[in-house]
PDB file of N, CA and C in Angstrom:
ATOM      1  N   MET A   1      80.172  95.464 103.497  1.00  0.00           N
ATOM      2  CA  MET A   1      79.143  95.128 102.136  1.00  0.00           C
ATOM      3  C   MET A   1      77.800  95.275 102.357  1.00  0.00           C
ATOM      4  N   LYS A   2      77.157  96.173 101.474  1.00  0.00           N
ATOM      5  CA  LYS A   2      75.630  96.421 101.478  1.00  0.00           C
ATOM      6  C   LYS A   2      75.042  96.135 100.285  1.00  0.00           C
ATOM      7  N   ILE A   3      73.954  95.487 100.341  1.00  0.00           N
ATOM      8  CA  ILE A   3      73.120  95.148  99.140  1.00  0.00           C
ATOM      9  C   ILE A   3      72.082  96.260  98.888  1.00  0.00           C
ATOM     10  N   THR A   4      71.792  96.737  97.934  1.00  0.00           N
ATOM     11  CA  THR A   4      70.872  97.624  97.586  1.00  0.00           C
ATOM     12  C   THR A   4      69.880  97.083  96.168  1.00  0.00           C
ATOM     13  N   GLY A   5      69.048  97.676  96.335  1.00  0.00           N
ATOM     14  CA  GLY A   5      67.816  97.374  95.144  1.00  0.00           C
ATOM     15  C   GLY A   5      66.645  98.288  95.137  1.00  0.00           C
ATOM     16  N   PHE A   6      65.937  97.867  94.233  1.00  0.00           N
ATOM     17  CA  PHE A   6      64.678  98.654  93.850  1.00  0.00           C
ATOM     18  C   PHE A   6      63.723  97.621  93.920  1.00  0.00           C
ATOM     19  N   LYS A   7      62.398  98.131  94.314  1.00  0.00           N
ATOM     20  CA  LYS A   7      61.048  97.413  93.948  1.00  0.00           C
ATOM     21  C   LYS A   7      60.723  97.480  92.746  1.00  0.00           C
ATOM     22  N   LYS A   8      60.195  96.209  92.100  1.00  0.00           N
ATOM     23  CA  LYS A   8      59.839  96.106  90.664  1.00  0.00           C
ATOM     24  C   LYS A   8      58.474  97.069  90.465  1.00  0.00           C
ATOM     25  N   GLU A   9      57.753  96.945  91.446  1.00  0.00           N
ATOM     26  CA  GLU A   9      56.491  97.763  91.347  1.00  0.00           C
ATOM     27  C   GLU A   9      56.454  99.061  91.735  1.00  0.00           C
ATOM     28  N   ASP A  10      55.762 100.115  91.585  1.00  0.00           N
ATOM     29  CA  ASP A  10      55.861 101.266  92.119  1.00  0.00           C
ATOM     30  C   ASP A  10      55.819 101.379  93.598  1.00  0.00           C
ATOM     31  N   THR A  11      56.788 102.421  93.967  1.00  0.00           N
ATOM     32  CA  THR A  11      56.873 102.424  95.720  1.00  0.00           C
ATOM     33  C   THR A  11      57.012 103.772  96.251  1.00  0.00           C
ATOM     34  N   GLU A  12      56.611 103.977  97.388  1.00  0.00           N
ATOM     35  CA  GLU A  12      56.847 105.473  97.882  1.00  0.00           C
ATOM     36  C   GLU A  12      58.252 105.664  98.128  1.00  0.00           C
ATOM     37  N   LEU A  13      59.060 104.727  98.293  1.00  0.00           N
ATOM     38  CA  LEU A  13      60.397 104.957  98.370  1.00  0.00           C
ATOM     39  C   LEU A  13      61.169 105.300  97.166  1.00  0.00           C
ATOM     40  N   GLU A  14      61.861 106.388  97.283  1.00  0.00           N
ATOM     41  CA  GLU A  14      62.556 106.740  96.022  1.00  0.00           C
ATOM     42  C   GLU A  14      64.100 106.381  96.048  1.00  0.00           C
ATOM     43  N   GLY A  15      64.783 105.813  94.861  1.00  0.00           N
ATOM     44  CA  GLY A  15      66.148 105.472  95.012  1.00  0.00           C
ATOM     45  C   GLY A  15      66.220 104.185  95.432  1.00  0.00           C
ATOM     46  N   CYS A  16      67.708 103.792  95.818  1.00  0.00           N
ATOM     47  CA  CYS A  16      67.898 102.523  96.347  1.00  0.00           C
ATOM     48  C   CYS A  16      67.642 102.101  97.620  1.00  0.00           C
ATOM     49  N   MET A  17      66.905 100.875  98.043  1.00  0.00           N
ATOM     50  CA  MET A  17      66.891 100.747  99.515  1.00  0.00           C
ATOM     51  C   MET A  17      68.006  99.509  99.823  1.00  0.00           C
ATOM     52  N   VAL A  18      68.279  99.581 101.102  1.00  0.00           N
ATOM     53  CA  VAL A  18      69.168  98.683 101.537  1.00  0.00           C
ATOM     54  C   VAL A  18      68.628  97.314 101.796  1.00  0.00           C
ATOM     55  N   LEU A  19      69.002  96.158 101.306  1.00  0.00           N
ATOM     56  CA  LEU A  19      68.245  95.080 101.588  1.00  0.00           C
ATOM     57  C   LEU A  19      69.108  94.037 102.562  1.00  0.00           C
ATOM     58  N   SER A  20      68.274  93.401 103.222  1.00  0.00           N
ATOM     59  CA  SER A  20      68.958  92.572 104.251  1.00  0.00           C
ATOM     60  C   SER A  20      69.546  91.172 103.681  1.00  0.00           C
ATOM     61  N   ASP A  21      68.872  90.797 102.425  1.00  0.00           N
ATOM     62  CA  ASP A  21      69.264  89.585 101.887  1.00  0.00           C
ATOM     63  C   ASP A  21      68.818  89.666 100.401  1.00  0.00           C
ATOM     64  N   ILE A  22      69.243  88.811  99.611  1.00  0.00           N
ATOM     65  CA  ILE A  22      68.601  88.503  98.263  1.00  0.00           C
ATOM     66  C   ILE A  22      68.553  87.144  97.880  1.00  0.00           C
ATOM     67  N   GLY A  23      67.626  86.772  96.965  1.00  0.00           N
ATOM     68  CA  GLY A  23      67.613  85.449  96.577  1.00  0.00           C
ATOM     69  C   GLY A  23      67.919  85.535  94.964  1.00  0.00           C
ATOM     70  N   ILE A  24      68.438  84.563  94.408  1.00  0.00           N
ATOM     71  CA  ILE A  24      68.752  84.515  93.013  1.00  0.00           C
ATOM     72  C   ILE A  24      68.346  83.175  92.479  1.00  0.00           C
ATOM     73  N   ALA A  25      67.312  83.192  91.619  1.00  0.00           N
ATOM     74  CA  ALA A  25      66.714  81.886  91.032  1.00  0.00           C
ATOM     75  C   ALA A  25      67.314  81.872  89.606  1.00  0.00           C
ATOM     76  N   ALA A  26      68.350  81.141  89.289  1.00  0.00           N
ATOM     77  CA  ALA A  26      68.900  81.069  87.950  1.00  0.00           C
ATOM     78  C   ALA A  26      69.370  79.605  87.671  1.00  0.00           C
ATOM     79  N   SER A  27      69.636  79.466  86.417  1.00  0.00           N
ATOM     80  CA  SER A  27      70.358  78.076  85.803  1.00  0.00           C
ATOM     81  C   SER A  27      71.747  78.041  86.466  1.00  0.00           C
ATOM     82  N   PRO A  28      72.364  76.846  86.651  1.00  0.00           N
ATOM     83  CA  PRO A  28      73.617  76.906  86.513  1.00  0.00           C
ATOM     84  C   PRO A  28      74.667  77.716  85.841  1.00  0.00           C
ATOM     85  N   ASP A  29      74.331  77.571  84.466  1.00  0.00           N
ATOM     86  CA  ASP A  29      75.008  78.587  83.409  1.00  0.00           C
ATOM     87  C   ASP A  29      74.998  79.970  83.934  1.00  0.00           C
ATOM     88  N   THR A  30      73.593  80.362  83.986  1.00  0.00           N
ATOM     89  CA  THR A  30      73.528  81.783  84.440  1.00  0.00           C
ATOM     90  C   THR A  30      74.345  82.354  85.719  1.00  0.00           C
ATOM     91  N   LEU A  31      74.129  81.345  86.633  1.00  0.00           N
ATOM     92  CA  LEU A  31      75.141  81.699  87.935  1.00  0.00           C
ATOM     93  C   LEU A  31      76.511  81.877  87.531  1.00  0.00           C
ATOM     94  N   ARG A  32      77.174  80.941  86.588  1.00  0.00           N
ATOM     95  CA  ARG A  32      78.414  80.911  86.252  1.00  0.00           C
ATOM     96  C   ARG A  32      78.700  82.395  85.446  1.00  0.00           C
ATOM     97  N   ASP A  33      77.749  82.890  84.727  1.00  0.00           N
ATOM     98  CA  ASP A  33      77.885  84.096  83.978  1.00  0.00           C
ATOM     99  C   ASP A  33      78.061  85.109  85.123  1.00  0.00           C
ATOM    100  N   LEU A  34      77.058  85.159  85.953  1.00  0.00           N
ATOM    101  CA  LEU A  34      77.062  86.068  87.209  1.00  0.00           C
ATOM    102  C   LEU A  34      78.355  86.142  87.905  1.00  0.00           C
ATOM    103  N   ALA A  35      78.850  85.157  87.963  1.00  0.00           N
ATOM    104  CA  ALA A  35      80.321  84.894  88.801  1.00  0.00           C
ATOM    105  C   ALA A  35      81.520  85.606  87.885  1.00  0.00           C
ATOM    106  N   ALA A  36      81.355  85.634  86.742  1.00  0.00           N
ATOM    107  CA  ALA A  36      82.270  85.955  85.804  1.00  0.00           C
ATOM    108  C   ALA A  36      82.061  87.407  85.812  1.00  0.00           C
ATOM    109  N   PHE A  37      81.013  88.092  85.894  1.00  0.00           N
ATOM    110  CA  PHE A  37      80.640  89.409  85.924  1.00  0.00           C
ATOM    111  C   PHE A  37      81.136  89.957  87.132  1.00  0.00           C
ATOM    112  N   LEU A  38      80.994  89.255  88.366  1.00  0.00           N
ATOM    113  CA  LEU A  38      81.500  89.878  89.388  1.00  0.00           C
ATOM    114  C   LEU A  38      82.912  89.942  89.616  1.00  0.00           C
ATOM    115  N   LEU A  39      83.513  88.938  88.977  1.00  0.00           N
ATOM    116  CA  LEU A  39      85.018  88.853  89.072  1.00  0.00           C
ATOM    117  C   LEU A  39      85.593  90.012  88.029  1.00  0.00           C
ATOM    118  N   ALA A  40      84.797  90.094  86.892  1.00  0.00           N
ATOM    119  CA  ALA A  40      85.515  91.333  86.033  1.00  0.00           C
ATOM    120  C   ALA A  40      85.194  92.549  86.684  1.00  0.00           C
ATOM    121  N   ALA A  41      84.024  92.680  87.352  1.00  0.00           N
ATOM    122  CA  ALA A  41      83.730  94.087  88.222  1.00  0.00           C
ATOM    123  C   ALA A  41      84.738  94.335  89.179  1.00  0.00           C
ATOM    124  N   ALA A  42      85.130  93.115  89.940  1.00  0.00           N
ATOM    125  CA  ALA A  42      86.188  93.450  90.938  1.00  0.00           C
ATOM    126  C   ALA A  42      87.675  93.954  90.286  1.00  0.00           C
ATOM    127  N   ASP A  43      87.876  93.388  89.167  1.00  0.00           N
ATOM    128  CA  ASP A  43      89.157  93.679  88.564  1.00  0.00           C
ATOM    129  C   ASP A  43      89.016  95.119  87.998  1.00  0.00           C
ATOM    130  N   GLU A  44      87.737  95.602  87.357  1.00  0.00           N
ATOM    131  CA  GLU A  44      87.724  96.863  86.983  1.00  0.00           C
ATOM    132  C   GLU A  44      87.917  97.778  88.277  1.00  0.00           C
ATOM    133  N   MET A  45      87.265  97.307  89.303  1.00  0.00           N
ATOM    134  CA  MET A  45      87.266  98.177  90.598  1.00  0.00           C
ATOM    135  C   MET A  45      88.788  98.347  91.311  1.00  0.00           C
ATOM    136  N   GLU A  46      89.409  97.272  90.975  1.00  0.00           N
ATOM    137  CA  GLU A  46      90.756  97.310  91.573  1.00  0.00           C
ATOM    138  C   GLU A  46      91.667  98.303  90.455  1.00  0.00           C
ATOM    139  N   LYS A  47      91.421  98.040  89.282  1.00  0.00           N
ATOM    140  CA  LYS A  47      92.150  98.693  88.280  1.00  0.00           C
ATOM    141  C   LYS A  47      91.882 100.249  88.416  1.00  0.00           C
ATOM    142  N   LEU A  48      90.728 100.661  88.504  1.00  0.00           N
ATOM    143  CA  LEU A  48      90.291 102.128  88.676  1.00  0.00           C
ATOM    144  C   LEU A  48      90.529 102.547  89.816  1.00  0.00           C
ATOM    145  N   GLY A  49      90.544 102.046  90.875  1.00  0.00           N
ATOM    146  CA  GLY A  49      90.637 102.759  92.152  1.00  0.00           C
ATOM    147  C   GLY A  49      89.661 103.501  92.504  1.00  0.00           C
ATOM    148  N   GLU A  50      89.974 104.567  92.932  1.00  0.00           N
ATOM    149  CA  GLU A  50      88.942 105.714  93.519  1.00  0.00           C
ATOM    150  C   GLU A  50      88.252 106.418  92.410  1.00  0.00           C
ATOM    151  N   ASP A  51      88.644 106.061  90.876  1.00  0.00           N
ATOM    152  CA  ASP A  51      87.864 106.493  89.842  1.00  0.00           C
ATOM    153  C   ASP A  51      86.719 105.527  89.432  1.00  0.00           C
ATOM    154  N   TYR A  52      86.757 104.309  90.117  1.00  0.00           N
ATOM    155  CA  TYR A  52      85.597 103.386  89.863  1.00  0.00           C
ATOM    156  C   TYR A  52      84.148 103.879  90.183  1.00  0.00           C
ATOM    157  N   ASP A  53      83.341 103.663  89.466  1.00  0.00           N
ATOM    158  CA  ASP A  53      81.911 104.250  89.652  1.00  0.00           C
ATOM    159  C   ASP A  53      80.934 102.976  89.852  1.00  0.00           C
ATOM    160  N   HIS A  54      80.687 102.549  88.800  1.00  0.00           N
ATOM    161  CA  HIS A  54      79.686 101.094  88.800  1.00  0.00           C
ATOM    162  C   HIS A  54      79.537 100.764  87.389  1.00  0.00           C
ATOM    163  N   LEU A  55      79.263  99.364  87.621  1.00  0.00           N
ATOM    164  CA  LEU A  55      79.036  98.530  86.219  1.00  0.00           C
ATOM    165  C   LEU A  55      77.652  97.883  86.395  1.00  0.00           C
ATOM    166  N   HIS A  56      77.023  97.810  85.213  1.00  0.00           N
ATOM    167  CA  HIS A  56      75.716  97.212  85.119  1.00  0.00           C
ATOM    168  C   HIS A  56      75.660  95.823  84.375  1.00  0.00           C
ATOM    169  N   LEU A  57      75.295  94.959  84.837  1.00  0.00           N
ATOM    170  CA  LEU A  57      75.141  93.591  84.086  1.00  0.00           C
ATOM    171  C   LEU A  57      74.432  93.724  82.797  1.00  0.00           C
ATOM    172  N   MET A  58      73.474  94.338  82.829  1.00  0.00           N
ATOM    173  CA  MET A  58      72.871  94.766  81.420  1.00  0.00           C
ATOM    174  C   MET A  58      73.772  95.032  80.326  1.00  0.00           C
ATOM    175  N   ASP A  59      74.647  96.085  80.616  1.00  0.00           N
ATOM    176  CA  ASP A  59      75.798  96.575  79.801  1.00  0.00           C
ATOM    177  C   ASP A  59      76.705  95.604  79.391  1.00  0.00           C
ATOM    178  N   GLU A  60      77.098  94.590  80.384  1.00  0.00           N
ATOM    179  CA  GLU A  60      78.179  93.724  80.071  1.00  0.00           C
ATOM    180  C   GLU A  60      78.002  92.298  79.672  1.00  0.00           C
ATOM    181  N   TRP A  61      76.592  91.848  79.815  1.00  0.00           N
ATOM    182  CA  TRP A  61      76.174  90.538  79.660  1.00  0.00           C
ATOM    183  C   TRP A  61      75.514  90.484  78.394  1.00  0.00           C
ATOM    184  N   ASP A  62      75.946  89.888  77.212  1.00  0.00           N
ATOM    185  CA  ASP A  62      75.274  89.617  76.099  1.00  0.00           C
ATOM    186  C   ASP A  62      74.082  88.629  76.063  1.00  0.00           C
ATOM    187  N   LYS A  63      73.753  88.004  77.056  1.00  0.00           N
ATOM    188  CA  LYS A  63      72.480  87.310  77.330  1.00  0.00           C
ATOM    189  C   LYS A  63      71.443  87.859  77.934  1.00  0.00           C
ATOM    190  N   TRP A  64      71.704  89.152  78.476  1.00  0.00           N
ATOM    191  CA  TRP A  64      70.628  89.986  79.305  1.00  0.00           C
ATOM    192  C   TRP A  64      69.507  90.283  78.292  1.00  0.00           C
ATOM    193  N   LYS A  65      68.508  90.097  79.023  1.00  0.00           N
ATOM    194  CA  LYS A  65      67.008  90.357  78.344  1.00  0.00           C
ATOM    195  C   LYS A  65      66.126  91.317  79.129  1.00  0.00           C
ATOM    196  N   GLU A  66      65.606  92.187  78.337  1.00  0.00           N
ATOM    197  CA  GLU A  66      64.737  93.277  78.944  1.00  0.00           C
ATOM    198  C   GLU A  66      63.762  93.147  80.287  1.00  0.00           C
ATOM    199  N   ASP A  67      63.249  91.752  80.240  1.00  0.00           N
ATOM    200  CA  ASP A  67      62.656  91.328  81.630  1.00  0.00           C
ATOM    201  C   ASP A  67      63.556  90.776  82.656  1.00  0.00           C
ATOM    202  N   TYR A  68      64.889  90.850  82.611  1.00  0.00           N
ATOM    203  CA  TYR A  68      65.704  90.457  83.718  1.00  0.00           C
ATOM    204  C   TYR A  68      66.066  91.594  84.387  1.00  0.00           C
ATOM    205  N   PRO A  69      66.270  91.296  85.894  1.00  0.00           N
ATOM    206  CA  PRO A  69      66.574  92.283  86.654  1.00  0.00           C
ATOM    207  C   PRO A  69      68.078  92.774  86.350  1.00  0.00           C
ATOM    208  N   ASP A  70      68.481  94.061  86.443  1.00  0.00           N
ATOM    209  CA  ASP A  70      70.046  94.569  86.353  1.00  0.00           C
ATOM    210  C   ASP A  70      70.664  94.239  87.473  1.00  0.00           C
ATOM    211  N   ILE A  71      72.030  94.021  87.587  1.00  0.00           N
ATOM    212  CA  ILE A  71      72.601  94.007  88.802  1.00  0.00           C
ATOM    213  C   ILE A  71      73.715  94.976  88.562  1.00  0.00           C
ATOM    214  N   GLN A  72      73.851  95.945  89.352  1.00  0.00           N
ATOM    215  CA  GLN A  72      74.948  96.943  89.455  1.00  0.00           C
ATOM    216  C   GLN A  72      75.854  96.760  90.593  1.00  0.00           C
ATOM    217  N   ILE A  73      77.126  96.814  90.055  1.00  0.00           N
ATOM    218  CA  ILE A  73      78.082  96.644  91.148  1.00  0.00           C
ATOM    219  C   ILE A  73      78.838  98.241  91.500  1.00  0.00           C
ATOM    220  N   LEU A  74      78.232  98.816  92.522  1.00  0.00           N
ATOM    221  CA  LEU A  74      78.569 100.167  93.035  1.00  0.00           C
ATOM    222  C   LEU A  74      79.850 100.188  93.741  1.00  0.00           C
ATOM    223  N   SER A  75      80.575 101.627  93.534  1.00  0.00           N
ATOM    224  CA  SER A  75      81.544 101.732  94.403  1.00  0.00           C
ATOM    225  C   SER A  75      80.975 102.164  95.831  1.00  0.00           C
ATOM    226  N   GLU A  76      81.822 101.770  96.775  1.00  0.00           N
ATOM    227  CA  GLU A  76      81.342 101.867  98.188  1.00  0.00           C
ATOM    228  C   GLU A  76      81.197 103.420  98.703  1.00  0.00           C
ATOM    229  N   LYS A  77      81.791 104.206  97.813  1.00  0.00           N
ATOM    230  CA  LYS A  77      81.440 105.607  98.007  1.00  0.00           C
ATOM    231  C   LYS A  77      80.210 106.255  98.029  1.00  0.00           C
ATOM    232  N   TYR A  78      79.264 105.369  97.366  1.00  0.00           N
ATOM    233  CA  TYR A  78      77.770 105.710  97.132  1.00  0.00           C
ATOM    234  C   TYR A  78      76.916 105.362  98.363  1.00  0.00           C
ATOM    235  N   LEU A  79      77.478 104.374  99.366  1.00  0.00           N
ATOM    236  CA  LEU A  79      76.894 103.974 100.361  1.00  0.00           C
ATOM    237  C   LEU A  79      77.317 104.339 101.837  1.00  0.00           C
TER     238      LEU A  79
END
């Protein structure tokens, strides 16, 4: 498992960077929604196999807002 991300502010680094850890500050309801998203992504990954690419939380979660960070569940082939 690897966790990647982007800095919110401008950076000299282009693309994703590997992170050593993450912190999520959210309500219990939001954490449950994130857990459901992760389970759905795992199901989709399993269903599509090698054809799986990635999913964005912003595309799948109807409560997502413009000022929220997106979460992408990537195929391991990208890392």
